[in-house]
């Protein structure tokens, strides 16, 4: 299976060829854990999950590394404002460490609800300060730094290719134009590698360093941690499109400036924004929605995943509840049809017919061509609607395609038939348990759950109510 991906470095679709034959090194910028992730953030992680699943579908072993920013990210992507963690801790009356722990847990719960695969490596900034200090030392040795008023800056004038990812020179953009002029900088594009107390006197998270007690710049952490776990050159770096002009541009300058190796990353992939009618979602303005808001309104997290997959990851997606309702209805209809399938016994061990294989080839063509999930989902619908295709073939195709789509469709295959096996007595137990749950009589609810489990009936509580399935071993 040949894969083609849009490389932001060069702005074109390219054939994908990893550095190692069967293994892919992939780094994704993770959350800054000072608040809940909004659904715009989560769209990026869904796109990255689609990428990883596609690579694994193609037979690659993927080492997926993601950072957690729990220090150093200021309220501006440049070098202005205060640390987002400190600001959140003050506003919420919690310690910075408690803030990091609480919102990290919330983020990973969202990831689980969206059926996003956990990264192979999750690395926290606060646990990799020595690696960051070592990286600054390398840059210092190579003549890329200067110290001004106690802070260590990256001197972008020493890196001729600065801005090549963002095409800064051709577009005549200035990375520092969005923030107030910092008189400590030689050039507006220069950025801080290490902050000391000379700029922030009451910083809660500080460490000793050769340049004074302080803390790292946000851009530094991704370079240091990605190279620790993936090596000084690797295959793929992902993130949101807003990371291109500053964060990823600065990462390249740091990494290539330290190692002297180019390219640091071979393929850069970026997901487009999800926006509201009123504009881009922003935590700083309070203009954002969380996954919990969607579930409170009766949507499943997988409704949102389906909604995101219905648009190409490089297309801006305007969010509305009416559009999400349409996605919800479409996914429910898909599940309804899949649950009605009656495949042969041991269908998973069967071979696909030639016609089924032609559908799979179509699916592969679309998903391998820069992750064209909308067309891939359209192929899945064609499979479900094809009256000349056997239920066994449909089940095989659903199982195969869902390896990439991640919509938890396999468990729905033949589910209606399984429900029919439940006796009236067991149905009454399910109804009784739901009453106990509403009355918050959890001990009785758990007792009934265990009783049903002994009969092979698995109970699951969802935002939409109680659902059940019959174990295939029953």
Protein backbone atom coordinates (compact mmCIF):
# COMPACT_ATOMS: atom_id res chain seq x y z
CA UNK A 1 0.00 0.00 0.00
CA UNK A 2 1.60 3.24 -1.21
CA UNK A 3 0.79 6.37 0.78
CA UNK A 4 0.85 9.96 -0.40
CA UNK A 5 0.78 12.86 2.05
CA UNK A 6 0.63 16.64 1.80
CA UNK A 7 3.94 17.94 3.12
CA UNK A 8 3.67 21.45 4.53
CA UNK A 9 7.38 21.81 3.79
CA UNK A 10 7.06 22.56 0.10
CA UNK A 11 3.25 22.68 0.04
CA UNK A 12 2.70 19.60 -2.10
CA UNK A 13 1.51 15.99 -1.95
CA UNK A 14 4.44 13.59 -1.90
CA UNK A 15 5.01 9.84 -1.89
CA UNK A 16 5.63 8.72 1.67
CA UNK A 17 8.85 6.82 2.28
CA UNK A 18 10.05 6.41 5.89
CA UNK A 19 13.67 6.45 6.97
CA UNK A 20 13.39 2.82 8.10
CA UNK A 21 11.63 0.32 5.87
CA UNK A 22 8.92 -0.88 8.26
CA UNK A 23 8.94 1.70 11.06
CA UNK A 24 7.66 5.28 11.25
CA UNK A 25 8.73 7.87 13.81
CA UNK A 26 5.89 10.34 14.38
CA UNK A 27 5.77 13.30 16.74
CA UNK A 28 2.60 15.22 17.53
CA UNK A 29 2.37 18.43 19.53
CA UNK A 30 0.28 17.64 22.59
CA UNK A 31 -1.87 19.74 24.90
CA UNK A 32 -0.92 22.60 27.17
CA UNK A 33 -2.70 21.36 30.26
CA UNK A 34 -4.00 24.57 31.80
CA UNK A 35 -7.63 24.14 30.68
CA UNK A 36 -9.92 21.64 29.00
CA UNK A 37 -9.16 20.81 25.37
CA UNK A 38 -11.74 22.38 23.09
CA UNK A 39 -13.27 20.50 20.19
CA UNK A 40 -11.09 22.42 17.75
CA UNK A 41 -8.01 21.04 19.52
CA UNK A 42 -9.56 17.58 19.49
CA UNK A 43 -10.12 17.71 15.74
CA UNK A 44 -6.32 17.85 15.34
CA UNK A 45 -5.87 14.74 17.49
CA UNK A 46 -8.54 12.89 15.46
CA UNK A 47 -6.63 13.75 12.26
CA UNK A 48 -3.38 12.51 13.81
CA UNK A 49 -5.13 9.30 14.91
CA UNK A 50 -6.40 8.80 11.35
CA UNK A 51 -2.83 9.23 10.09
CA UNK A 52 -1.44 6.73 12.57
CA UNK A 53 -4.17 4.19 11.87
CA UNK A 54 -3.58 4.54 8.12
CA UNK A 55 0.15 3.97 8.55
CA UNK A 56 -0.50 0.90 10.70
CA UNK A 57 -3.11 -0.32 8.20
CA UNK A 58 -0.37 -0.10 5.56
CA UNK A 59 1.80 -2.39 7.68
CA UNK A 60 4.10 0.10 9.38
CA UNK A 61 5.00 -0.01 13.05
CA UNK A 62 4.44 3.52 14.32
CA UNK A 63 6.32 5.03 17.23
CA UNK A 64 4.00 7.87 18.13
CA UNK A 65 5.43 10.43 20.56
CA UNK A 66 3.35 13.24 22.07
CA UNK A 67 4.38 15.88 24.58
CA UNK A 68 2.37 17.35 27.42
CA UNK A 69 3.19 21.01 28.00
CA UNK A 70 3.03 21.61 31.74
CA UNK A 71 5.47 24.54 31.82
CA UNK A 72 6.79 27.26 29.55
CA UNK A 73 3.85 28.04 27.23
CA UNK A 74 3.14 31.73 27.54
CA UNK A 75 -0.18 33.40 26.82
CA UNK A 76 1.33 34.42 23.47
CA UNK A 77 2.96 32.00 21.06
CA UNK A 78 5.84 34.48 21.08
CA UNK A 79 7.65 35.54 24.24
CA UNK A 80 5.07 37.82 25.82
CA UNK A 81 2.60 37.37 28.68
CA UNK A 82 2.87 34.90 31.51
CA UNK A 83 2.99 31.14 31.69
CA UNK A 84 -0.46 29.69 30.95
CA UNK A 85 -0.09 27.21 33.82
CA UNK A 86 0.64 29.98 36.33
CA UNK A 87 -2.26 32.09 35.08
CA UNK A 88 -4.70 29.16 35.32
CA UNK A 89 -3.46 28.18 38.80
CA UNK A 90 -4.01 31.72 40.07
CA UNK A 91 -7.50 31.97 38.57
CA UNK A 92 -8.59 28.56 39.90
CA UNK A 93 -6.89 28.75 43.29
CA UNK A 94 -4.87 25.59 42.69
CA UNK A 95 -1.17 24.78 42.52
CA UNK A 96 0.44 24.55 39.09
CA UNK A 97 1.12 20.87 39.71
CA UNK A 98 -2.53 20.21 40.56
CA UNK A 99 -3.61 22.14 37.47
CA UNK A 100 -1.34 20.01 35.29
CA UNK A 101 -2.59 16.75 36.82
CA UNK A 102 -6.28 17.67 36.64
CA UNK A 103 -6.32 18.85 33.03
CA UNK A 104 -4.00 16.06 31.87
CA UNK A 105 -6.53 13.54 33.19
CA UNK A 106 -9.36 15.44 31.49
CA UNK A 107 -7.50 15.45 28.17
CA UNK A 108 -6.70 11.76 28.18
CA UNK A 109 -10.29 10.97 29.11
CA UNK A 110 -11.41 12.91 26.01
CA UNK A 111 -8.90 10.97 23.93
CA UNK A 112 -10.29 7.68 25.20
CA UNK A 113 -13.89 8.75 24.56
CA UNK A 114 -13.01 9.66 20.96
CA UNK A 115 -11.42 6.23 20.42
CA UNK A 116 -8.05 7.84 19.73
CA UNK A 117 -5.13 5.47 20.17
CA UNK A 118 -2.80 6.37 23.02
CA UNK A 119 0.62 7.56 21.87
CA UNK A 120 3.47 5.10 22.22
CA UNK A 121 5.30 7.68 24.35
CA UNK A 122 3.73 10.52 26.34
CA UNK A 123 6.41 12.88 27.62
CA UNK A 124 5.89 15.76 30.04
CA UNK A 125 7.94 18.92 29.75
CA UNK A 126 8.65 19.11 33.48
CA UNK A 127 10.23 15.64 33.36
CA UNK A 128 12.69 16.57 30.59
CA UNK A 129 14.37 19.75 31.81
CA UNK A 130 17.91 18.22 31.63
CA UNK A 131 17.39 17.38 27.94
CA UNK A 132 16.29 20.94 27.25
CA UNK A 133 19.29 22.40 29.03
CA UNK A 134 21.59 20.13 27.04
CA UNK A 135 19.97 21.33 23.81
CA UNK A 136 20.56 24.98 24.72
CA UNK A 137 24.20 24.12 25.46
CA UNK A 138 24.56 22.63 21.97
CA UNK A 139 23.03 25.71 20.39
CA UNK A 140 25.30 27.90 22.47
CA UNK A 141 28.36 25.92 21.36
CA UNK A 142 27.30 26.28 17.71
CA UNK A 143 27.00 30.05 17.99
CA UNK A 144 23.19 30.31 17.74
CA UNK A 145 22.48 32.02 21.08
CA UNK A 146 23.00 35.20 23.00
CA UNK A 147 22.16 36.29 26.53
CA UNK A 148 20.23 39.49 27.08
CA UNK A 149 19.06 40.69 30.49
CA UNK A 150 19.54 37.21 31.87
CA UNK A 151 17.51 35.34 29.24
CA UNK A 152 19.00 33.07 26.57
CA UNK A 153 17.75 33.89 23.07
CA UNK A 154 18.02 32.05 19.77
CA UNK A 155 19.70 34.33 17.24
CA UNK A 156 17.71 33.68 14.05
CA UNK A 157 20.24 35.63 12.00
CA UNK A 158 22.63 32.69 12.46
CA UNK A 159 20.21 30.31 10.75
CA UNK A 160 19.83 31.27 7.06
CA UNK A 161 16.88 28.91 6.49
CA UNK A 162 14.78 30.40 9.28
CA UNK A 163 11.15 30.52 8.22
CA UNK A 164 11.40 27.95 5.40
CA UNK A 165 8.38 25.98 6.67
CA UNK A 166 6.18 29.07 6.96
CA UNK A 167 7.60 30.74 3.82
CA UNK A 168 8.21 33.79 5.99
CA UNK A 169 10.59 35.50 3.61
CA UNK A 170 8.43 35.05 0.53
CA UNK A 171 5.32 36.22 2.35
CA UNK A 172 7.23 39.00 4.07
CA UNK A 173 5.86 37.87 7.43
CA UNK A 174 7.44 38.54 10.78
CA UNK A 175 7.04 35.97 13.50
CA UNK A 176 7.35 38.72 16.09
CA UNK A 177 4.80 41.03 14.52
CA UNK A 178 1.95 39.66 16.66
CA UNK A 179 3.55 40.69 19.93
CA UNK A 180 4.95 43.86 21.46
CA UNK A 181 8.57 44.66 20.58
CA UNK A 182 10.98 43.08 23.04
CA UNK A 183 13.96 45.43 23.38
CA UNK A 184 16.02 42.53 24.69
CA UNK A 185 15.95 40.90 21.25
CA UNK A 186 18.35 41.67 18.43
CA UNK A 187 15.63 40.75 15.93
CA UNK A 188 11.83 40.50 16.36
CA UNK A 189 12.02 36.89 15.15
CA UNK A 190 14.47 35.84 17.87
CA UNK A 191 12.93 33.76 20.63
CA UNK A 192 13.70 32.73 24.18
CA UNK A 193 15.29 29.38 24.88
CA UNK A 194 15.61 29.85 28.63
CA UNK A 195 13.86 32.37 30.86
CA UNK A 196 15.42 33.48 34.14
CA UNK A 197 14.11 35.47 37.09
CA UNK A 198 15.27 38.64 35.38
CA UNK A 199 12.02 38.62 33.45
CA UNK A 200 9.60 36.75 35.73
CA UNK A 201 10.48 37.24 39.36
CA UNK A 202 7.78 35.04 40.93
CA UNK A 203 7.74 32.02 38.62
CA UNK A 204 6.47 28.94 40.47
CA UNK A 205 8.19 26.34 38.27
CA UNK A 206 11.94 26.99 38.08
CA UNK A 207 15.09 24.90 37.71
CA UNK A 208 18.82 25.52 38.02
CA UNK A 209 20.72 26.02 34.78
CA UNK A 210 24.09 27.40 33.59
CA UNK A 211 22.31 30.69 32.78
CA UNK A 212 20.50 31.09 36.08
CA UNK A 213 17.51 29.64 37.85
CA UNK A 214 14.55 29.71 35.49
CA UNK A 215 12.47 27.69 33.05
CA UNK A 216 12.49 26.70 29.36
CA UNK A 217 10.79 28.35 26.43
CA UNK A 218 7.81 26.50 24.96
CA UNK A 219 9.43 25.81 21.58
CA UNK A 220 12.44 24.17 23.20
CA UNK A 221 10.56 21.26 24.75
CA UNK A 222 9.30 19.73 21.49
CA UNK A 223 12.76 19.74 19.94
CA UNK A 224 14.39 18.20 23.00
CA UNK A 225 11.78 15.51 23.62
CA UNK A 226 11.15 14.49 20.02
CA UNK A 227 14.88 13.96 19.45
CA UNK A 228 15.23 12.00 22.70
CA UNK A 229 12.62 9.47 21.66
CA UNK A 230 12.84 9.53 17.85
CA UNK A 231 16.43 10.50 17.11
CA UNK A 232 17.95 13.59 15.58
CA UNK A 233 16.05 13.03 12.34
CA UNK A 234 12.65 11.37 11.99
CA UNK A 235 9.75 10.92 9.62
CA UNK A 236 6.63 12.90 10.58
CA UNK A 237 5.81 15.93 12.73
CA UNK A 238 2.13 16.87 13.17
CA UNK A 239 0.13 19.67 14.69
CA UNK A 240 -2.45 22.34 14.03
CA UNK A 241 -1.98 24.76 11.18
CA UNK A 242 -1.54 27.60 13.67
CA UNK A 243 1.78 26.06 14.74
CA UNK A 244 3.44 26.71 11.38
CA UNK A 245 4.50 30.39 11.57
CA UNK A 246 5.99 30.40 15.08
CA UNK A 247 6.19 27.14 17.03
CA UNK A 248 7.19 24.73 14.27
CA UNK A 249 9.34 27.34 12.58
CA UNK A 250 11.28 27.78 15.82
CA UNK A 251 11.51 24.04 16.40
CA UNK A 252 13.25 23.59 13.06
CA UNK A 253 15.72 26.38 13.79
CA UNK A 254 16.57 24.87 17.19
CA UNK A 255 16.86 21.27 16.05
CA UNK A 256 18.81 21.81 12.85
CA UNK A 257 20.90 24.51 14.51
CA UNK A 258 21.90 22.08 17.28
CA UNK A 259 22.55 18.97 15.20
CA UNK A 260 23.64 20.44 11.87
CA UNK A 261 21.47 17.79 10.22
CA UNK A 262 18.85 18.66 7.62
CA UNK A 263 16.04 17.98 7.18
CA UNK A 264 15.25 17.44 10.84
CA UNK A 265 11.79 16.18 9.88
CA UNK A 266 10.96 14.73 6.47
CA UNK A 267 7.18 15.26 6.42
CA UNK A 268 5.24 18.03 8.14
CA UNK A 269 1.47 17.50 8.41
CA UNK A 270 -0.97 20.09 9.74
CA UNK A 271 -4.68 19.96 10.46
CA UNK A 272 -6.92 22.91 9.60
CA UNK A 273 -9.06 24.83 12.06
CA UNK A 274 -12.50 23.95 13.26
CA UNK A 275 -14.26 27.27 13.69
CA UNK A 276 -17.52 28.57 15.07
CA UNK A 277 -19.80 30.89 13.12
CA UNK A 278 -18.33 33.67 15.26
CA UNK A 279 -14.75 32.74 14.35
CA UNK A 280 -11.83 30.65 15.56
CA UNK A 281 -12.19 28.89 18.91
CA UNK A 282 -9.99 30.46 21.55
CA UNK A 283 -9.50 29.54 25.19
CA UNK A 284 -8.15 32.98 25.94
CA UNK A 285 -11.40 34.59 24.79
CA UNK A 286 -13.62 31.89 26.28
CA UNK A 287 -15.03 31.25 22.81
CA UNK A 288 -14.84 27.45 22.78
CA UNK A 289 -16.75 24.21 23.25
CA UNK A 290 -15.57 21.08 25.05
CA UNK A 291 -16.41 17.44 24.44
CA UNK A 292 -18.38 17.35 27.68
CA UNK A 293 -20.64 20.12 26.36
CA UNK A 294 -21.43 17.94 23.34
CA UNK A 295 -22.22 14.91 25.49
CA UNK A 296 -24.41 17.00 27.78
CA UNK A 297 -26.42 17.93 24.68
CA UNK A 298 -26.98 14.25 23.85
CA UNK A 299 -24.16 13.60 21.40
CA UNK A 300 -21.76 10.70 21.62
CA UNK A 301 -18.05 11.47 21.31
CA UNK A 302 -18.09 9.15 18.29
CA UNK A 303 -20.71 11.39 16.67
CA UNK A 304 -18.08 14.12 16.79
CA UNK A 305 -15.39 11.80 15.44
CA UNK A 306 -17.70 10.87 12.54
CA UNK A 307 -18.39 14.58 11.97
CA UNK A 308 -14.68 15.36 11.75
CA UNK A 309 -13.95 12.45 9.43
CA UNK A 310 -16.64 13.78 7.11
CA UNK A 311 -14.32 16.66 6.17
CA UNK A 312 -10.77 16.47 4.87
CA UNK A 313 -8.23 17.27 7.56
CA UNK A 314 -6.79 20.12 5.45
CA UNK A 315 -10.19 21.77 4.98
CA UNK A 316 -11.47 24.34 7.45
CA UNK A 317 -14.60 23.01 9.14
CA UNK A 318 -17.32 25.34 10.39
CA UNK A 319 -19.01 23.84 13.43
CA UNK A 320 -22.73 24.01 14.11
CA UNK A 321 -24.99 21.85 16.24
CA UNK A 322 -27.28 21.27 13.27
CA UNK A 323 -24.36 19.85 11.29
CA UNK A 324 -23.36 17.68 14.24
CA UNK A 325 -26.97 16.48 14.49
CA UNK A 326 -26.78 15.39 10.86
CA UNK A 327 -23.57 13.50 11.59
CA UNK A 328 -25.21 11.88 14.61
CA UNK A 329 -28.17 10.72 12.52
CA UNK A 330 -25.88 9.40 9.79
CA UNK A 331 -23.79 7.43 12.27
CA UNK A 332 -26.93 6.06 13.95
CA UNK A 333 -28.25 4.97 10.56
CA UNK A 334 -24.93 3.31 9.76
CA UNK A 335 -24.98 1.43 13.07
CA UNK A 336 -28.58 0.39 12.50
CA UNK A 337 -27.68 -1.20 9.16
CA UNK A 338 -24.50 -2.82 10.47
CA UNK A 339 -26.32 -4.26 13.48
CA UNK A 340 -28.84 -5.89 11.13
CA UNK A 341 -26.17 -7.86 9.27
CA UNK A 342 -26.31 -11.64 9.59
CA UNK A 343 -22.89 -12.85 8.53
CA UNK A 344 -21.90 -16.52 8.49
CA UNK A 345 -20.62 -18.14 11.65
CA UNK A 346 -16.89 -17.52 12.07
CA UNK A 347 -17.19 -14.79 9.43
CA UNK A 348 -13.96 -13.13 10.56
CA UNK A 349 -12.04 -16.16 9.27
CA UNK A 350 -13.62 -16.00 5.81
CA UNK A 351 -12.03 -14.60 2.65
CA UNK A 352 -13.51 -11.61 0.80
CA UNK A 353 -15.13 -12.13 -2.58
CA UNK A 354 -13.68 -10.41 -5.63
CA UNK A 355 -16.38 -7.77 -5.44
CA UNK A 356 -15.61 -7.08 -1.79
CA UNK A 357 -11.92 -6.78 -2.65
CA UNK A 358 -12.77 -4.16 -5.27
CA UNK A 359 -14.49 -2.12 -2.57
CA UNK A 360 -11.48 -2.48 -0.32
CA UNK A 361 -9.25 -1.29 -3.15
CA UNK A 362 -11.40 1.83 -3.53
CA UNK A 363 -11.17 2.48 0.19
CA UNK A 364 -7.38 2.07 0.11
CA UNK A 365 -7.08 4.41 -2.89
CA UNK A 366 -8.86 7.19 -1.02
CA UNK A 367 -7.37 6.79 2.44
CA UNK A 368 -3.83 6.42 1.08
CA UNK A 369 -4.21 9.60 -0.99
CA UNK A 370 -3.57 12.17 1.75
CA UNK A 371 -6.11 10.64 4.16
CA UNK A 372 -9.25 11.34 2.15
CA UNK A 373 -11.64 10.27 4.90
CA UNK A 374 -14.83 11.76 3.34
CA UNK A 375 -14.44 9.58 0.24
CA UNK A 376 -13.42 6.59 2.37
CA UNK A 377 -16.64 6.90 4.39
CA UNK A 378 -18.59 7.16 1.14
CA UNK A 379 -17.13 3.79 0.09
CA UNK A 380 -18.23 2.29 3.42
CA UNK A 381 -21.77 3.51 2.78
CA UNK A 382 -21.68 2.01 -0.74
CA UNK A 383 -20.74 -1.31 0.82
CA UNK A 384 -23.62 -1.20 3.29
CA UNK A 385 -26.15 -0.27 0.62
CA UNK A 386 -25.02 -2.87 -1.95
CA UNK A 387 -27.83 -5.43 -2.04
CA UNK A 388 -25.72 -7.80 -4.17
CA UNK A 389 -23.00 -8.06 -1.54
CA UNK A 390 -23.32 -10.80 1.09
CA UNK A 391 -23.61 -9.93 4.76
CA UNK A 392 -20.37 -11.81 5.37
CA UNK A 393 -18.56 -9.64 2.84
CA UNK A 394 -20.10 -6.53 4.38
CA UNK A 395 -18.99 -7.60 7.85
CA UNK A 396 -15.46 -8.25 6.60
CA UNK A 397 -15.30 -4.85 4.92
CA UNK A 398 -16.73 -3.01 7.93
CA UNK A 399 -14.14 -4.67 10.15
CA UNK A 400 -11.33 -3.87 7.72
CA UNK A 401 -12.29 -0.22 7.14
CA UNK A 402 -12.92 0.48 10.80
CA UNK A 403 -9.27 -0.28 11.52
CA UNK A 404 -8.66 3.11 9.92
CA UNK A 405 -11.86 5.02 10.73
CA UNK A 406 -11.87 4.06 14.41
CA UNK A 407 -15.64 4.33 14.84
CA UNK A 408 -16.03 1.14 16.93
CA UNK A 409 -18.20 -0.43 14.26
CA UNK A 410 -17.03 -4.02 14.63
CA UNK A 411 -18.94 -4.55 17.86
CA UNK A 412 -22.13 -3.47 16.08
CA UNK A 413 -21.99 -6.29 13.50
CA UNK A 414 -25.02 -8.51 14.05
CA UNK A 415 -25.86 -6.74 17.30
CA UNK A 416 -29.62 -6.88 16.64
CA UNK A 417 -29.48 -10.63 16.43
CA UNK A 418 -27.59 -10.74 19.70
CA UNK A 419 -30.20 -8.58 21.40
CA UNK A 420 -32.88 -10.98 20.25
CA UNK A 421 -31.24 -13.69 22.36
CA UNK A 422 -31.97 -11.79 25.55
CA UNK A 423 -34.94 -13.24 27.40
CA UNK A 424 -37.86 -11.21 28.73
CA UNK A 425 -36.56 -11.94 32.22
CA UNK A 426 -33.16 -10.44 31.39
CA UNK A 427 -34.75 -7.44 29.72
CA UNK A 428 -36.66 -6.80 32.92
CA UNK A 429 -33.40 -6.95 34.89
CA UNK A 430 -31.91 -4.34 32.56
CA UNK A 431 -34.93 -2.08 33.11
CA UNK A 432 -34.73 -2.56 36.89
CA UNK A 433 -31.04 -1.70 36.87
CA UNK A 434 -31.72 1.54 34.99
CA UNK A 435 -34.27 2.49 37.66
CA UNK A 436 -31.73 1.79 40.41
CA UNK A 437 -29.16 3.95 38.61
CA UNK A 438 -31.58 6.88 38.39
CA UNK A 439 -32.30 6.47 42.10
CA UNK A 440 -28.51 6.38 42.73
CA UNK A 441 -28.85 2.95 44.29
CA UNK A 442 -25.54 1.90 42.81
CA UNK A 443 -25.05 -1.21 44.93
CA UNK A 444 -28.21 -2.80 43.50
CA UNK A 445 -27.34 -1.57 40.00
CA UNK A 446 -23.91 -3.20 40.28
CA UNK A 447 -25.44 -6.41 41.60
CA UNK A 448 -27.68 -6.68 38.54
CA UNK A 449 -24.78 -5.80 36.22
CA UNK A 450 -22.76 -8.68 37.70
CA UNK A 451 -25.72 -11.04 37.46
CA UNK A 452 -26.20 -10.21 33.78
CA UNK A 453 -22.45 -10.53 33.13
CA UNK A 454 -22.63 -14.11 34.40
CA UNK A 455 -25.19 -14.72 31.65
CA UNK A 456 -22.92 -13.19 29.01
CA UNK A 457 -24.81 -9.89 28.79
CA UNK A 458 -22.43 -6.93 28.92
CA UNK A 459 -23.91 -3.67 30.21
CA UNK A 460 -22.47 -0.28 29.24
CA UNK A 461 -23.61 3.10 30.53
CA UNK A 462 -23.34 5.90 27.96
CA UNK A 463 -24.41 9.57 27.88
CA UNK A 464 -27.41 8.41 25.85
CA UNK A 465 -28.44 5.74 28.37
CA UNK A 466 -27.78 2.06 29.01
CA UNK A 467 -26.79 -0.20 26.11
CA UNK A 468 -26.00 -3.90 26.15
CA UNK A 469 -24.52 -6.61 24.03
CA UNK A 470 -24.28 -10.36 24.22
CA UNK A 471 -20.79 -11.77 24.56
CA UNK A 472 -19.83 -13.81 21.51
CA UNK A 473 -18.67 -16.55 23.89
CA UNK A 474 -22.14 -16.91 25.39
